[in-house]
Amino acid sequence: MLTIIAEIYAHPNGPHKEQIIQAFKKITPIVLQEQGCHGYQLLVDANVDVNYQTRDADLIVMLEKWESIEYLNAHLHTEHMQKYQLEVKDHVAEIKIRVLAHGL
């Protein structure tokens, strides 16, 4: 089982972050039905008042669980992901992806 953390940075100011979130809302139910997908969740900074939280107003984090790298790669090539990427390309400034396995 792989855990994927995708850090998606929206362009600052304007509707960029919200446009990306809306695009994810459209594809999430489809992705969750994909073979090998065990979780697909959009996360943003919680609105809590603590001094130890690192915040980034332009950051969206996708937390994903995939059975194998083959399923993840297949997901990235699906029609809905290709459409999603076209839909958000003008709103995304940068993406950082981590593919993680259990360390113990």
C-alpha atoms as a PDB file:
ATOM      1  CA  MET A   1       0.000   0.000   0.000  1.00  0.00           C
ATOM      2  CA  LEU A   2       1.312   3.445  -0.944  1.00  0.00           C
ATOM      3  CA  THR A   3       0.409   6.770   0.597  1.00  0.00           C
ATOM      4  CA  ILE A   4       0.599   9.721  -1.757  1.00  0.00           C
ATOM      5  CA  ILE A   5       0.834  13.295  -0.553  1.00  0.00           C
ATOM      6  CA  ALA A   6       0.332  15.766  -3.376  1.00  0.00           C
ATOM      7  CA  GLU A   7       1.010  19.374  -2.418  1.00  0.00           C
ATOM      8  CA  ILE A   8      -0.778  21.578  -4.929  1.00  0.00           C
ATOM      9  CA  TYR A   9       0.079  25.265  -4.803  1.00  0.00           C
ATOM     10  CA  ALA A  10      -2.468  27.604  -6.368  1.00  0.00           C
ATOM     11  CA  HIS A  11      -1.428  30.905  -7.858  1.00  0.00           C
ATOM     12  CA  PRO A  12      -1.832  33.554  -5.150  1.00  0.00           C
ATOM     13  CA  ASN A  13      -4.785  35.930  -5.112  1.00  0.00           C
ATOM     14  CA  GLY A  14      -7.955  35.580  -7.094  1.00  0.00           C
ATOM     15  CA  PRO A  15     -10.112  32.478  -7.496  1.00  0.00           C
ATOM     16  CA  HIS A  16      -7.297  30.016  -8.238  1.00  0.00           C
ATOM     17  CA  LYS A  17      -7.485  27.866  -5.103  1.00  0.00           C
ATOM     18  CA  GLU A  18     -11.280  27.650  -5.243  1.00  0.00           C
ATOM     19  CA  GLN A  19     -11.191  26.669  -8.923  1.00  0.00           C
ATOM     20  CA  ILE A  20      -8.834  23.776  -8.110  1.00  0.00           C
ATOM     21  CA  ILE A  21     -11.026  22.659  -5.207  1.00  0.00           C
ATOM     22  CA  GLN A  22     -14.136  22.671  -7.405  1.00  0.00           C
ATOM     23  CA  ALA A  23     -12.341  20.608 -10.064  1.00  0.00           C
ATOM     24  CA  PHE A  24     -11.358  18.050  -7.412  1.00  0.00           C
ATOM     25  CA  LYS A  25     -14.935  17.868  -6.128  1.00  0.00           C
ATOM     26  CA  LYS A  26     -16.041  16.808  -9.608  1.00  0.00           C
ATOM     27  CA  ILE A  27     -13.533  13.972 -10.006  1.00  0.00           C
ATOM     28  CA  THR A  28     -13.294  12.637  -6.433  1.00  0.00           C
ATOM     29  CA  PRO A  29     -16.309  10.262  -6.661  1.00  0.00           C
ATOM     30  CA  ILE A  30     -14.922   8.878  -9.926  1.00  0.00           C
ATOM     31  CA  VAL A  31     -11.414   8.407  -8.530  1.00  0.00           C
ATOM     32  CA  LEU A  32     -12.748   6.593  -5.462  1.00  0.00           C
ATOM     33  CA  GLN A  33     -14.280   4.008  -7.820  1.00  0.00           C
ATOM     34  CA  GLU A  34     -10.969   3.307  -9.568  1.00  0.00           C
ATOM     35  CA  GLN A  35      -9.425  -0.096  -9.078  1.00  0.00           C
ATOM     36  CA  GLY A  36      -6.612   0.053  -6.523  1.00  0.00           C
ATOM     37  CA  CYS A  37      -7.786   3.308  -4.902  1.00  0.00           C
ATOM     38  CA  HIS A  38      -8.182   3.034  -1.123  1.00  0.00           C
ATOM     39  CA  GLY A  39      -8.520   6.749  -0.345  1.00  0.00           C
ATOM     40  CA  TYR A  40      -8.598  10.141  -2.034  1.00  0.00           C
ATOM     41  CA  GLN A  41      -9.047  13.157   0.213  1.00  0.00           C
ATOM     42  CA  LEU A  42      -8.605  16.904  -0.307  1.00  0.00           C
ATOM     43  CA  LEU A  43      -7.210  18.772   2.698  1.00  0.00           C
ATOM     44  CA  VAL A  44      -6.696  22.472   3.451  1.00  0.00           C
ATOM     45  CA  ASP A  45      -5.412  24.294   6.515  1.00  0.00           C
ATOM     46  CA  ALA A  46      -7.748  24.011   9.480  1.00  0.00           C
ATOM     47  CA  ASN A  47      -8.981  27.306  10.864  1.00  0.00           C
ATOM     48  CA  VAL A  48      -7.611  26.838  14.364  1.00  0.00           C
ATOM     49  CA  ASP A  49      -5.807  29.298  16.605  1.00  0.00           C
ATOM     50  CA  VAL A  50      -2.554  27.569  17.519  1.00  0.00           C
ATOM     51  CA  ASN A  51       0.983  28.903  17.315  1.00  0.00           C
ATOM     52  CA  TYR A  52       2.556  25.666  16.053  1.00  0.00           C
ATOM     53  CA  GLN A  53       0.590  25.367  12.810  1.00  0.00           C
ATOM     54  CA  THR A  54       2.307  26.128   9.529  1.00  0.00           C
ATOM     55  CA  ARG A  55      -0.165  27.759   7.170  1.00  0.00           C
ATOM     56  CA  ASP A  56      -0.162  28.426   3.460  1.00  0.00           C
ATOM     57  CA  ALA A  57      -3.272  30.090   2.060  1.00  0.00           C
ATOM     58  CA  ASP A  58      -2.473  28.818  -1.443  1.00  0.00           C
ATOM     59  CA  LEU A  59      -1.850  25.162  -0.557  1.00  0.00           C
ATOM     60  CA  ILE A  60      -4.154  22.206  -1.183  1.00  0.00           C
ATOM     61  CA  VAL A  61      -3.021  18.759  -0.037  1.00  0.00           C
ATOM     62  CA  MET A  62      -4.331  15.567  -1.587  1.00  0.00           C
ATOM     63  CA  LEU A  63      -3.932  12.522   0.642  1.00  0.00           C
ATOM     64  CA  GLU A  64      -4.237   9.367  -1.416  1.00  0.00           C
ATOM     65  CA  LYS A  65      -3.929   5.627  -0.795  1.00  0.00           C
ATOM     66  CA  TRP A  66      -3.110   3.323  -3.710  1.00  0.00           C
ATOM     67  CA  GLU A  67      -2.638  -0.418  -3.688  1.00  0.00           C
ATOM     68  CA  SER A  68       0.465  -0.194  -5.913  1.00  0.00           C
ATOM     69  CA  ILE A  69       2.465   2.127  -8.139  1.00  0.00           C
ATOM     70  CA  GLU A  70       0.825   0.482 -11.162  1.00  0.00           C
ATOM     71  CA  TYR A  71      -2.634   1.573  -9.984  1.00  0.00           C
ATOM     72  CA  LEU A  72      -1.355   5.081  -9.251  1.00  0.00           C
ATOM     73  CA  ASN A  73       0.200   5.339 -12.706  1.00  0.00           C
ATOM     74  CA  ALA A  74      -3.007   4.088 -14.333  1.00  0.00           C
ATOM     75  CA  HIS A  75      -4.958   6.717 -12.362  1.00  0.00           C
ATOM     76  CA  LEU A  76      -2.731   9.502 -13.652  1.00  0.00           C
ATOM     77  CA  HIS A  77      -3.512   8.479 -17.241  1.00  0.00           C
ATOM     78  CA  THR A  78      -7.308   8.233 -16.912  1.00  0.00           C
ATOM     79  CA  GLU A  79      -9.516  10.458 -19.019  1.00  0.00           C
ATOM     80  CA  HIS A  80     -10.924  12.258 -15.972  1.00  0.00           C
ATOM     81  CA  MET A  81      -7.439  13.096 -14.694  1.00  0.00           C
ATOM     82  CA  GLN A  82      -6.400  14.380 -18.108  1.00  0.00           C
ATOM     83  CA  LYS A  83      -9.492  16.620 -18.172  1.00  0.00           C
ATOM     84  CA  TYR A  84      -8.831  17.761 -14.592  1.00  0.00           C
ATOM     85  CA  GLN A  85      -5.255  18.748 -15.475  1.00  0.00           C
ATOM     86  CA  LEU A  86      -6.452  20.835 -18.420  1.00  0.00           C
ATOM     87  CA  GLU A  87      -9.139  22.460 -16.276  1.00  0.00           C
ATOM     88  CA  VAL A  88      -6.711  23.597 -13.545  1.00  0.00           C
ATOM     89  CA  LYS A  89      -3.521  24.264 -15.505  1.00  0.00           C
ATOM     90  CA  ASP A  90      -3.950  28.052 -15.355  1.00  0.00           C
ATOM     91  CA  HIS A  91      -4.647  27.947 -11.609  1.00  0.00           C
ATOM     92  CA  VAL A  92      -1.774  25.717 -10.399  1.00  0.00           C
ATOM     93  CA  ALA A  93       1.595  27.314  -9.675  1.00  0.00           C
ATOM     94  CA  GLU A  94       3.445  24.178  -8.522  1.00  0.00           C
ATOM     95  CA  ILE A  95       2.888  20.558  -7.529  1.00  0.00           C
ATOM     96  CA  LYS A  96       5.061  18.447  -5.231  1.00  0.00           C
ATOM     97  CA  ILE A  97       4.270  14.742  -4.976  1.00  0.00           C
ATOM     98  CA  ARG A  98       5.526  12.301  -2.361  1.00  0.00           C
ATOM     99  CA  VAL A  99       5.074   8.570  -2.791  1.00  0.00           C
ATOM    100  CA  LEU A 100       5.427   6.984   0.653  1.00  0.00           C
ATOM    101  CA  ALA A 101       5.569   3.449   2.026  1.00  0.00           C
ATOM    102  CA  HIS A 102       5.382   2.293   5.630  1.00  0.00           C
ATOM    103  CA  GLY A 103       8.706   2.871   7.331  1.00  0.00           C
ATOM    104  CA  LEU A 104       8.419   0.121   9.938  1.00  0.00           C
END
